[in-house]
Amino acid sequence: MHTALLIIDIQNDYFPGGTMELVGADAASQQARLLLAAWREKNLPVFHIQHIAPQPSATFFRPDTVGAEIHTNVLPIAGETVITKGSPNSFHETSLLESLRAAEITDLVVVGMMTHMCVDSTVRAASDLGFVCQVVHDACATRDLTFGVQTVPAATVQATFMAALNGIFCSTALTAQVMADLPPSDAD
């Protein structure tokens, strides 16, 4: 199988008490955790993305802070690749592309945070680079946004970005659908 699980920026600052709390971070991370456990059980490739803010003025994901650490629900284990990035696109000035190609990955199952920023940027770039992507929308989280004087609720932001990505840049699915489609392991 040439499919990898790509976990984008599920980091402490996005959770309650963090400096950039998202709506539904806990629920999304639990879904990502289920997928990660399934991937590990089947010995499939996993790539973790960790955002470390390069700007001294950054308010979240500051270097060497607890907020920048990967959340306990999806902590990497030995053998899993961790790519550090400093911008929304996980491919920009990182070794992600080379790592995926070295592992002969052609398809990506994407989970993570923030849907409207890093997930969106990475999926669009991955599609442009020729990867077949599937975004697991219940394993992603975002936040309320403002446009002028209007507040756009996180649920609307999430639905809008999934609708914009689906069909052109990726397919979308729920965690349960993705897990049902995984090939049986040798022990099954």
N, C-alpha and C. Protein backbone atom coordinates (compact mmCIF):
# COMPACT_ATOMS: atom_id res chain seq x y z
N MET A 1 0.85 -1.18 0.00
CA MET A 1 0.00 0.00 0.00
C MET A 1 0.89 1.24 0.00
N HIS A 2 0.58 2.18 -0.83
CA HIS A 2 1.39 3.39 -0.95
C HIS A 2 0.67 4.60 -0.37
N THR A 3 -0.08 4.37 0.69
CA THR A 3 -0.84 5.43 1.34
C THR A 3 -0.25 5.71 2.71
N ALA A 4 -0.07 6.99 3.01
CA ALA A 4 0.43 7.40 4.32
C ALA A 4 -0.61 8.24 5.03
N LEU A 5 -0.56 8.19 6.34
CA LEU A 5 -1.36 9.08 7.19
C LEU A 5 -0.52 10.32 7.45
N LEU A 6 -1.07 11.47 7.12
CA LEU A 6 -0.38 12.75 7.34
C LEU A 6 -1.13 13.50 8.42
N ILE A 7 -0.48 13.71 9.56
CA ILE A 7 -1.09 14.37 10.72
C ILE A 7 -0.49 15.76 10.82
N ILE A 8 -1.32 16.77 10.58
CA ILE A 8 -0.84 18.15 10.50
C ILE A 8 -1.16 18.94 11.77
N ASP A 9 -0.14 19.37 12.47
CA ASP A 9 -0.23 20.39 13.52
C ASP A 9 -1.24 20.11 14.63
N ILE A 10 -1.37 18.88 15.05
CA ILE A 10 -2.22 18.62 16.22
C ILE A 10 -1.34 18.86 17.44
N GLN A 11 -1.30 20.13 17.85
CA GLN A 11 -0.37 20.62 18.85
C GLN A 11 -1.13 21.31 19.99
N ASN A 12 -0.49 21.36 21.14
CA ASN A 12 -1.14 21.80 22.37
C ASN A 12 -1.76 23.20 22.31
N ASP A 13 -1.18 24.12 21.60
CA ASP A 13 -1.73 25.48 21.56
C ASP A 13 -3.14 25.54 20.99
N TYR A 14 -3.57 24.51 20.26
CA TYR A 14 -4.90 24.49 19.68
C TYR A 14 -5.97 23.95 20.63
N PHE A 15 -5.58 23.48 21.79
CA PHE A 15 -6.50 22.87 22.73
C PHE A 15 -6.86 23.83 23.85
N PRO A 16 -7.91 23.51 24.63
CA PRO A 16 -8.28 24.38 25.75
C PRO A 16 -7.07 24.70 26.62
N GLY A 17 -6.91 25.99 26.90
CA GLY A 17 -5.76 26.46 27.66
C GLY A 17 -4.60 26.89 26.78
N GLY A 18 -4.66 26.55 25.49
CA GLY A 18 -3.60 26.95 24.56
C GLY A 18 -3.82 28.38 24.09
N THR A 19 -2.85 28.91 23.38
CA THR A 19 -2.93 30.31 22.97
C THR A 19 -3.70 30.54 21.68
N MET A 20 -4.13 29.46 20.99
CA MET A 20 -4.92 29.58 19.76
C MET A 20 -5.97 28.46 19.75
N GLU A 21 -6.83 28.46 20.75
CA GLU A 21 -7.80 27.38 20.92
C GLU A 21 -8.75 27.28 19.72
N LEU A 22 -8.93 26.06 19.24
CA LEU A 22 -9.82 25.79 18.13
C LEU A 22 -11.13 25.20 18.64
N VAL A 23 -12.16 25.32 17.84
CA VAL A 23 -13.44 24.70 18.15
C VAL A 23 -13.35 23.23 17.77
N GLY A 24 -13.62 22.36 18.71
CA GLY A 24 -13.63 20.92 18.42
C GLY A 24 -12.28 20.26 18.35
N ALA A 25 -11.25 20.87 18.93
CA ALA A 25 -9.91 20.27 18.88
C ALA A 25 -9.87 18.90 19.55
N ASP A 26 -10.51 18.79 20.71
CA ASP A 26 -10.50 17.50 21.41
C ASP A 26 -11.15 16.41 20.57
N ALA A 27 -12.34 16.69 20.06
CA ALA A 27 -13.07 15.69 19.26
C ALA A 27 -12.29 15.30 18.01
N ALA A 28 -11.74 16.27 17.32
CA ALA A 28 -10.96 15.98 16.10
C ALA A 28 -9.73 15.15 16.44
N SER A 29 -9.07 15.48 17.53
CA SER A 29 -7.85 14.74 17.88
C SER A 29 -8.17 13.30 18.28
N GLN A 30 -9.35 13.08 18.84
CA GLN A 30 -9.75 11.70 19.17
C GLN A 30 -9.96 10.88 17.90
N GLN A 31 -10.53 11.50 16.88
CA GLN A 31 -10.69 10.80 15.59
C GLN A 31 -9.33 10.53 14.96
N ALA A 32 -8.44 11.51 15.02
CA ALA A 32 -7.08 11.31 14.50
C ALA A 32 -6.38 10.19 15.26
N ARG A 33 -6.62 10.13 16.55
CA ARG A 33 -6.01 9.09 17.38
C ARG A 33 -6.48 7.70 16.93
N LEU A 34 -7.77 7.57 16.62
CA LEU A 34 -8.29 6.29 16.12
C LEU A 34 -7.60 5.88 14.82
N LEU A 35 -7.47 6.84 13.91
CA LEU A 35 -6.80 6.55 12.64
C LEU A 35 -5.34 6.18 12.86
N LEU A 36 -4.68 6.92 13.73
CA LEU A 36 -3.27 6.64 14.01
C LEU A 36 -3.12 5.22 14.58
N ALA A 37 -3.99 4.83 15.48
CA ALA A 37 -3.92 3.48 16.05
C ALA A 37 -4.13 2.42 14.96
N ALA A 38 -5.06 2.66 14.05
CA ALA A 38 -5.31 1.72 12.96
C ALA A 38 -4.10 1.63 12.03
N TRP A 39 -3.49 2.77 11.74
CA TRP A 39 -2.31 2.80 10.87
C TRP A 39 -1.17 2.01 11.53
N ARG A 40 -0.99 2.24 12.82
CA ARG A 40 0.08 1.54 13.53
C ARG A 40 -0.18 0.04 13.58
N GLU A 41 -1.41 -0.34 13.83
CA GLU A 41 -1.77 -1.75 13.90
C GLU A 41 -1.45 -2.47 12.59
N LYS A 42 -1.62 -1.76 11.48
CA LYS A 42 -1.40 -2.35 10.16
C LYS A 42 0.01 -2.04 9.63
N ASN A 43 0.81 -1.39 10.47
CA ASN A 43 2.20 -1.07 10.12
C ASN A 43 2.28 -0.25 8.83
N LEU A 44 1.41 0.76 8.73
CA LEU A 44 1.38 1.65 7.57
C LEU A 44 2.15 2.93 7.90
N PRO A 45 2.65 3.63 6.90
CA PRO A 45 3.48 4.81 7.15
C PRO A 45 2.69 6.00 7.70
N VAL A 46 3.32 6.66 8.68
CA VAL A 46 2.74 7.83 9.34
C VAL A 46 3.76 8.96 9.28
N PHE A 47 3.27 10.15 8.92
CA PHE A 47 4.10 11.35 8.89
C PHE A 47 3.42 12.40 9.76
N HIS A 48 4.16 12.92 10.74
CA HIS A 48 3.67 13.97 11.62
C HIS A 48 4.25 15.31 11.16
N ILE A 49 3.41 16.32 11.16
CA ILE A 49 3.86 17.68 10.85
C ILE A 49 3.74 18.50 12.12
N GLN A 50 4.80 19.22 12.46
CA GLN A 50 4.81 20.07 13.64
C GLN A 50 5.21 21.48 13.22
N HIS A 51 4.33 22.42 13.51
CA HIS A 51 4.59 23.82 13.16
C HIS A 51 5.35 24.48 14.30
N ILE A 52 6.48 25.04 13.99
CA ILE A 52 7.24 25.85 14.94
C ILE A 52 7.35 27.24 14.32
N ALA A 53 6.78 28.23 15.01
CA ALA A 53 6.72 29.59 14.46
C ALA A 53 8.11 30.21 14.39
N PRO A 54 8.52 30.64 13.21
CA PRO A 54 9.84 31.26 13.09
C PRO A 54 9.87 32.74 13.47
N GLN A 55 8.70 33.37 13.51
CA GLN A 55 8.65 34.80 13.78
C GLN A 55 8.75 35.07 15.29
N PRO A 56 9.63 35.97 15.70
CA PRO A 56 9.74 36.30 17.12
C PRO A 56 8.44 36.86 17.71
N SER A 57 7.60 37.44 16.87
CA SER A 57 6.34 38.03 17.35
C SER A 57 5.19 37.02 17.40
N ALA A 58 5.44 35.76 17.07
CA ALA A 58 4.38 34.75 17.04
C ALA A 58 3.70 34.62 18.40
N THR A 59 2.39 34.39 18.37
CA THR A 59 1.63 34.24 19.62
C THR A 59 1.35 32.78 19.94
N PHE A 60 1.61 31.87 19.01
CA PHE A 60 1.45 30.45 19.29
C PHE A 60 2.48 29.66 18.51
N PHE A 61 2.68 28.41 18.94
CA PHE A 61 3.70 27.52 18.38
C PHE A 61 5.10 28.12 18.48
N ARG A 62 5.30 28.85 19.56
CA ARG A 62 6.63 29.44 19.79
C ARG A 62 7.62 28.32 20.12
N PRO A 63 8.85 28.45 19.62
CA PRO A 63 9.86 27.41 19.86
C PRO A 63 10.04 27.13 21.36
N ASP A 64 10.27 25.87 21.66
CA ASP A 64 10.58 25.43 23.03
C ASP A 64 9.48 25.76 24.04
N THR A 65 8.22 25.69 23.59
CA THR A 65 7.10 25.88 24.51
C THR A 65 6.25 24.62 24.53
N VAL A 66 5.52 24.43 25.61
CA VAL A 66 4.59 23.31 25.72
C VAL A 66 3.53 23.41 24.63
N GLY A 67 3.11 24.62 24.29
CA GLY A 67 2.09 24.83 23.27
C GLY A 67 2.50 24.32 21.90
N ALA A 68 3.77 24.33 21.61
CA ALA A 68 4.25 23.88 20.30
C ALA A 68 4.42 22.36 20.23
N GLU A 69 4.34 21.69 21.36
CA GLU A 69 4.51 20.24 21.37
C GLU A 69 3.32 19.53 20.74
N ILE A 70 3.58 18.40 20.11
CA ILE A 70 2.51 17.57 19.54
C ILE A 70 1.66 17.04 20.69
N HIS A 71 0.35 17.08 20.52
CA HIS A 71 -0.59 16.68 21.55
C HIS A 71 -0.45 15.20 21.88
N THR A 72 -0.72 14.85 23.12
CA THR A 72 -0.56 13.47 23.57
C THR A 72 -1.44 12.48 22.80
N ASN A 73 -2.55 12.92 22.25
CA ASN A 73 -3.42 12.00 21.52
C ASN A 73 -2.78 11.44 20.26
N VAL A 74 -1.78 12.12 19.72
CA VAL A 74 -1.15 11.67 18.48
C VAL A 74 0.38 11.72 18.54
N LEU A 75 0.93 11.54 19.72
CA LEU A 75 2.39 11.60 19.85
C LEU A 75 3.08 10.60 18.94
N PRO A 76 4.13 11.05 18.26
CA PRO A 76 4.90 10.13 17.41
C PRO A 76 5.60 9.06 18.24
N ILE A 77 5.81 7.92 17.63
CA ILE A 77 6.61 6.86 18.23
C ILE A 77 7.82 6.61 17.32
N ALA A 78 8.73 5.82 17.82
CA ALA A 78 9.94 5.50 17.06
C ALA A 78 9.56 4.96 15.68
N GLY A 79 10.24 5.45 14.67
CA GLY A 79 10.02 5.00 13.30
C GLY A 79 9.07 5.88 12.51
N GLU A 80 8.32 6.75 13.19
CA GLU A 80 7.42 7.66 12.49
C GLU A 80 8.15 8.98 12.21
N THR A 81 7.99 9.47 11.02
CA THR A 81 8.67 10.69 10.60
C THR A 81 7.98 11.92 11.16
N VAL A 82 8.77 12.84 11.68
CA VAL A 82 8.27 14.14 12.14
C VAL A 82 8.96 15.21 11.30
N ILE A 83 8.15 16.01 10.63
CA ILE A 83 8.64 17.10 9.79
C ILE A 83 8.26 18.41 10.48
N THR A 84 9.23 19.28 10.67
CA THR A 84 8.98 20.59 11.25
C THR A 84 8.84 21.61 10.14
N LYS A 85 7.83 22.46 10.28
CA LYS A 85 7.60 23.51 9.28
C LYS A 85 7.42 24.85 9.96
N GLY A 86 7.52 25.90 9.17
CA GLY A 86 7.36 27.25 9.70
C GLY A 86 6.33 28.07 8.95
N SER A 87 5.59 27.44 8.04
CA SER A 87 4.56 28.13 7.27
C SER A 87 3.37 27.19 7.10
N PRO A 88 2.23 27.68 6.62
CA PRO A 88 1.05 26.82 6.51
C PRO A 88 1.22 25.59 5.62
N ASN A 89 1.89 25.72 4.51
CA ASN A 89 2.08 24.62 3.57
C ASN A 89 3.16 23.68 4.10
N SER A 90 2.80 22.46 4.40
CA SER A 90 3.74 21.50 4.97
C SER A 90 4.88 21.11 4.03
N PHE A 91 4.75 21.43 2.75
CA PHE A 91 5.81 21.14 1.78
C PHE A 91 6.81 22.29 1.66
N HIS A 92 6.42 23.49 2.07
CA HIS A 92 7.23 24.70 1.86
C HIS A 92 8.48 24.67 2.75
N GLU A 93 9.62 24.60 2.10
CA GLU A 93 10.92 24.62 2.78
C GLU A 93 11.04 23.54 3.85
N THR A 94 10.51 22.34 3.53
CA THR A 94 10.65 21.19 4.42
C THR A 94 11.12 19.99 3.60
N SER A 95 11.33 18.90 4.29
CA SER A 95 11.75 17.66 3.62
C SER A 95 10.57 16.73 3.36
N LEU A 96 9.34 17.23 3.48
CA LEU A 96 8.17 16.35 3.34
C LEU A 96 8.12 15.68 1.97
N LEU A 97 8.26 16.42 0.90
CA LEU A 97 8.17 15.83 -0.43
C LEU A 97 9.22 14.74 -0.61
N GLU A 98 10.44 15.02 -0.24
CA GLU A 98 11.51 14.03 -0.39
C GLU A 98 11.23 12.80 0.46
N SER A 99 10.72 13.00 1.67
CA SER A 99 10.42 11.88 2.56
C SER A 99 9.30 11.01 2.00
N LEU A 100 8.27 11.64 1.46
CA LEU A 100 7.16 10.87 0.88
C LEU A 100 7.63 10.10 -0.36
N ARG A 101 8.41 10.75 -1.19
CA ARG A 101 8.90 10.07 -2.39
C ARG A 101 9.84 8.93 -2.04
N ALA A 102 10.68 9.13 -1.03
CA ALA A 102 11.59 8.06 -0.62
C ALA A 102 10.82 6.84 -0.11
N ALA A 103 9.66 7.08 0.50
CA ALA A 103 8.82 5.99 1.01
C ALA A 103 7.85 5.47 -0.05
N GLU A 104 7.95 6.00 -1.27
CA GLU A 104 7.09 5.61 -2.41
C GLU A 104 5.61 5.83 -2.12
N ILE A 105 5.31 6.92 -1.44
CA ILE A 105 3.93 7.28 -1.11
C ILE A 105 3.30 7.99 -2.31
N THR A 106 2.10 7.56 -2.68
CA THR A 106 1.35 8.19 -3.76
C THR A 106 0.04 8.80 -3.27
N ASP A 107 -0.46 8.29 -2.15
CA ASP A 107 -1.75 8.72 -1.62
C ASP A 107 -1.57 9.18 -0.17
N LEU A 108 -2.32 10.22 0.19
CA LEU A 108 -2.26 10.75 1.55
C LEU A 108 -3.65 10.78 2.16
N VAL A 109 -3.75 10.30 3.39
CA VAL A 109 -4.94 10.48 4.21
C VAL A 109 -4.56 11.57 5.21
N VAL A 110 -5.27 12.69 5.15
CA VAL A 110 -4.86 13.89 5.87
C VAL A 110 -5.83 14.19 7.01
N VAL A 111 -5.25 14.45 8.19
CA VAL A 111 -5.99 14.91 9.36
C VAL A 111 -5.22 16.08 9.95
N GLY A 112 -5.90 16.92 10.74
CA GLY A 112 -5.12 17.96 11.40
C GLY A 112 -5.83 19.25 11.64
N MET A 113 -5.01 20.26 11.88
CA MET A 113 -5.48 21.56 12.33
C MET A 113 -4.62 22.66 11.71
N MET A 114 -5.01 23.80 11.46
CA MET A 114 -6.32 24.36 11.28
C MET A 114 -6.79 24.05 9.87
N THR A 115 -8.04 23.65 9.76
CA THR A 115 -8.59 23.27 8.46
C THR A 115 -8.41 24.38 7.43
N HIS A 116 -8.74 25.60 7.80
CA HIS A 116 -8.75 26.70 6.84
C HIS A 116 -7.36 27.23 6.51
N MET A 117 -6.35 26.75 7.20
CA MET A 117 -5.01 27.29 6.99
C MET A 117 -4.05 26.18 6.57
N CYS A 118 -3.53 25.45 7.51
CA CYS A 118 -2.47 24.47 7.20
C CYS A 118 -2.99 23.23 6.49
N VAL A 119 -4.17 22.75 6.86
CA VAL A 119 -4.73 21.60 6.15
C VAL A 119 -5.01 21.98 4.71
N ASP A 120 -5.71 23.10 4.52
CA ASP A 120 -6.02 23.58 3.17
C ASP A 120 -4.76 23.79 2.33
N SER A 121 -3.80 24.51 2.86
CA SER A 121 -2.56 24.81 2.12
C SER A 121 -1.82 23.54 1.73
N THR A 122 -1.73 22.61 2.67
CA THR A 122 -0.99 21.38 2.42
C THR A 122 -1.69 20.50 1.40
N VAL A 123 -3.00 20.37 1.51
CA VAL A 123 -3.74 19.51 0.58
C VAL A 123 -3.67 20.07 -0.83
N ARG A 124 -3.82 21.37 -0.98
CA ARG A 124 -3.72 21.96 -2.32
C ARG A 124 -2.33 21.74 -2.91
N ALA A 125 -1.30 21.91 -2.09
CA ALA A 125 0.07 21.69 -2.57
C ALA A 125 0.28 20.22 -2.92
N ALA A 126 -0.21 19.32 -2.08
CA ALA A 126 -0.05 17.89 -2.34
C ALA A 126 -0.72 17.50 -3.65
N SER A 127 -1.90 18.02 -3.87
CA SER A 127 -2.60 17.74 -5.13
C SER A 127 -1.80 18.25 -6.32
N ASP A 128 -1.27 19.46 -6.22
CA ASP A 128 -0.45 20.02 -7.30
C ASP A 128 0.79 19.17 -7.56
N LEU A 129 1.29 18.51 -6.51
CA LEU A 129 2.48 17.67 -6.63
C LEU A 129 2.15 16.25 -7.10
N GLY A 130 0.87 15.97 -7.32
CA GLY A 130 0.48 14.69 -7.87
C GLY A 130 0.00 13.65 -6.88
N PHE A 131 -0.11 14.00 -5.61
CA PHE A 131 -0.60 13.05 -4.61
C PHE A 131 -2.12 12.97 -4.67
N VAL A 132 -2.65 11.79 -4.46
CA VAL A 132 -4.08 11.58 -4.31
C VAL A 132 -4.38 11.76 -2.82
N CYS A 133 -5.24 12.71 -2.51
CA CYS A 133 -5.49 13.06 -1.11
C CYS A 133 -6.91 12.74 -0.69
N GLN A 134 -7.03 12.35 0.56
CA GLN A 134 -8.33 12.19 1.21
C GLN A 134 -8.23 12.91 2.54
N VAL A 135 -9.15 13.85 2.77
CA VAL A 135 -9.17 14.58 4.04
C VAL A 135 -10.27 13.98 4.91
N VAL A 136 -9.90 13.64 6.12
CA VAL A 136 -10.84 13.07 7.08
C VAL A 136 -11.41 14.23 7.89
N HIS A 137 -12.59 14.69 7.49
CA HIS A 137 -13.07 15.96 8.01
C HIS A 137 -13.46 15.95 9.48
N ASP A 138 -13.81 14.80 10.04
CA ASP A 138 -14.11 14.79 11.48
C ASP A 138 -12.84 14.65 12.32
N ALA A 139 -11.69 14.56 11.66
CA ALA A 139 -10.39 14.54 12.34
C ALA A 139 -9.62 15.82 12.05
N CYS A 140 -10.37 16.88 11.73
CA CYS A 140 -9.81 18.21 11.49
C CYS A 140 -10.59 19.22 12.33
N ALA A 141 -9.94 20.30 12.68
CA ALA A 141 -10.60 21.35 13.46
C ALA A 141 -10.15 22.71 12.99
N THR A 142 -11.00 23.70 13.22
CA THR A 142 -10.71 25.08 12.85
C THR A 142 -11.28 26.00 13.93
N ARG A 143 -11.44 27.26 13.61
CA ARG A 143 -11.95 28.22 14.58
C ARG A 143 -12.88 29.20 13.89
N ASP A 144 -13.58 29.97 14.70
CA ASP A 144 -14.39 31.06 14.16
C ASP A 144 -13.45 32.05 13.48
N LEU A 145 -13.90 32.62 12.37
CA LEU A 145 -13.14 33.65 11.68
C LEU A 145 -13.99 34.91 11.57
N THR A 146 -13.34 36.01 11.32
CA THR A 146 -14.08 37.25 11.08
C THR A 146 -13.78 37.75 9.68
N PHE A 147 -14.80 38.34 9.09
CA PHE A 147 -14.67 38.97 7.78
C PHE A 147 -15.41 40.29 7.89
N GLY A 148 -14.65 41.38 7.95
CA GLY A 148 -15.26 42.68 8.23
C GLY A 148 -15.87 42.64 9.61
N VAL A 149 -17.16 42.90 9.69
CA VAL A 149 -17.84 42.87 10.99
C VAL A 149 -18.55 41.54 11.23
N GLN A 150 -18.47 40.64 10.27
CA GLN A 150 -19.17 39.36 10.37
C GLN A 150 -18.29 38.29 11.02
N THR A 151 -18.87 37.54 11.94
CA THR A 151 -18.19 36.38 12.51
C THR A 151 -18.69 35.15 11.77
N VAL A 152 -17.76 34.37 11.28
CA VAL A 152 -18.10 33.14 10.57
C VAL A 152 -17.82 31.99 11.54
N PRO A 153 -18.86 31.27 11.98
CA PRO A 153 -18.67 30.18 12.95
C PRO A 153 -17.77 29.08 12.41
N ALA A 154 -17.05 28.45 13.31
CA ALA A 154 -16.11 27.39 12.93
C ALA A 154 -16.78 26.30 12.10
N ALA A 155 -17.99 25.93 12.43
CA ALA A 155 -18.68 24.87 11.66
C ALA A 155 -18.87 25.30 10.20
N THR A 156 -19.14 26.58 9.99
CA THR A 156 -19.31 27.09 8.62
C THR A 156 -17.96 27.16 7.91
N VAL A 157 -16.92 27.57 8.63
CA VAL A 157 -15.57 27.60 8.06
C VAL A 157 -15.18 26.18 7.64
N GLN A 158 -15.39 25.22 8.53
CA GLN A 158 -15.04 23.82 8.25
C GLN A 158 -15.78 23.32 7.01
N ALA A 159 -17.08 23.51 6.98
CA ALA A 159 -17.88 23.03 5.85
C ALA A 159 -17.48 23.70 4.55
N THR A 160 -17.21 24.99 4.61
CA THR A 160 -16.82 25.73 3.40
C THR A 160 -15.50 25.24 2.84
N PHE A 161 -14.52 25.04 3.70
CA PHE A 161 -13.22 24.59 3.21
C PHE A 161 -13.27 23.15 2.72
N MET A 162 -14.05 22.31 3.40
CA MET A 162 -14.19 20.93 2.91
C MET A 162 -14.88 20.93 1.54
N ALA A 163 -15.92 21.75 1.40
CA ALA A 163 -16.63 21.84 0.11
C ALA A 163 -15.71 22.34 -0.99
N ALA A 164 -14.83 23.30 -0.66
CA ALA A 164 -13.92 23.86 -1.66
C ALA A 164 -12.85 22.85 -2.08
N LEU A 165 -12.38 22.04 -1.14
CA LEU A 165 -11.34 21.06 -1.45
C LEU A 165 -11.89 19.82 -2.15
N ASN A 166 -13.06 19.38 -1.72
CA ASN A 166 -13.63 18.10 -2.16
C ASN A 166 -13.89 18.08 -3.67
N GLY A 167 -13.37 17.04 -4.30
CA GLY A 167 -13.63 16.84 -5.72
C GLY A 167 -12.53 17.33 -6.63
N ILE A 168 -11.88 18.39 -6.27
CA ILE A 168 -10.79 18.92 -7.10
C ILE A 168 -9.43 18.55 -6.50
N PHE A 169 -9.25 18.88 -5.24
CA PHE A 169 -7.95 18.68 -4.59
C PHE A 169 -7.90 17.40 -3.77
N CYS A 170 -9.05 16.88 -3.41
CA CYS A 170 -9.10 15.69 -2.57
C CYS A 170 -10.50 15.10 -2.57
N SER A 171 -10.62 13.98 -1.90
CA SER A 171 -11.94 13.49 -1.51
C SER A 171 -12.03 13.69 -0.01
N THR A 172 -13.24 13.69 0.52
CA THR A 172 -13.41 13.84 1.96
C THR A 172 -14.16 12.63 2.49
N ALA A 173 -13.91 12.32 3.74
CA ALA A 173 -14.55 11.16 4.37
C ALA A 173 -14.56 11.33 5.87
N LEU A 174 -15.34 10.50 6.52
CA LEU A 174 -15.35 10.41 7.98
C LEU A 174 -14.35 9.34 8.42
N THR A 175 -13.92 9.43 9.65
CA THR A 175 -12.97 8.47 10.20
C THR A 175 -13.46 7.03 10.02
N ALA A 176 -14.71 6.78 10.35
CA ALA A 176 -15.25 5.42 10.25
C ALA A 176 -15.17 4.88 8.82
N GLN A 177 -15.41 5.75 7.82
CA GLN A 177 -15.32 5.32 6.42
C GLN A 177 -13.89 4.93 6.05
N VAL A 178 -12.94 5.75 6.48
CA VAL A 178 -11.54 5.49 6.16
C VAL A 178 -11.08 4.19 6.82
N MET A 179 -11.46 4.01 8.07
CA MET A 179 -11.05 2.79 8.78
C MET A 179 -11.66 1.54 8.15
N ALA A 180 -12.89 1.65 7.69
CA ALA A 180 -13.55 0.50 7.04
C ALA A 180 -12.87 0.14 5.73
N ASP A 181 -12.27 1.12 5.07
CA ASP A 181 -11.61 0.89 3.78
C ASP A 181 -10.16 0.41 3.90
N LEU A 182 -9.61 0.38 5.10
CA LEU A 182 -8.23 -0.08 5.26
C LEU A 182 -8.14 -1.57 4.95
N PRO A 183 -7.04 -1.96 4.32
CA PRO A 183 -6.89 -3.39 4.03
C PRO A 183 -6.71 -4.17 5.33
N PRO A 184 -7.11 -5.44 5.33
CA PRO A 184 -6.91 -6.24 6.54
C PRO A 184 -5.42 -6.43 6.79
N SER A 185 -5.06 -6.51 8.06
CA SER A 185 -3.65 -6.79 8.38
C SER A 185 -3.43 -8.28 8.31
N ASP A 186 -2.19 -8.69 8.37
CA ASP A 186 -1.85 -10.11 8.29
C ASP A 186 -2.51 -10.91 9.40
N ALA A 187 -2.74 -10.25 10.55
CA ALA A 187 -3.32 -10.93 11.71
C ALA A 187 -4.83 -11.04 11.61
N ASP A 188 -5.46 -10.25 10.68
CA ASP A 188 -6.93 -10.26 10.58
C ASP A 188 -7.45 -11.51 9.93
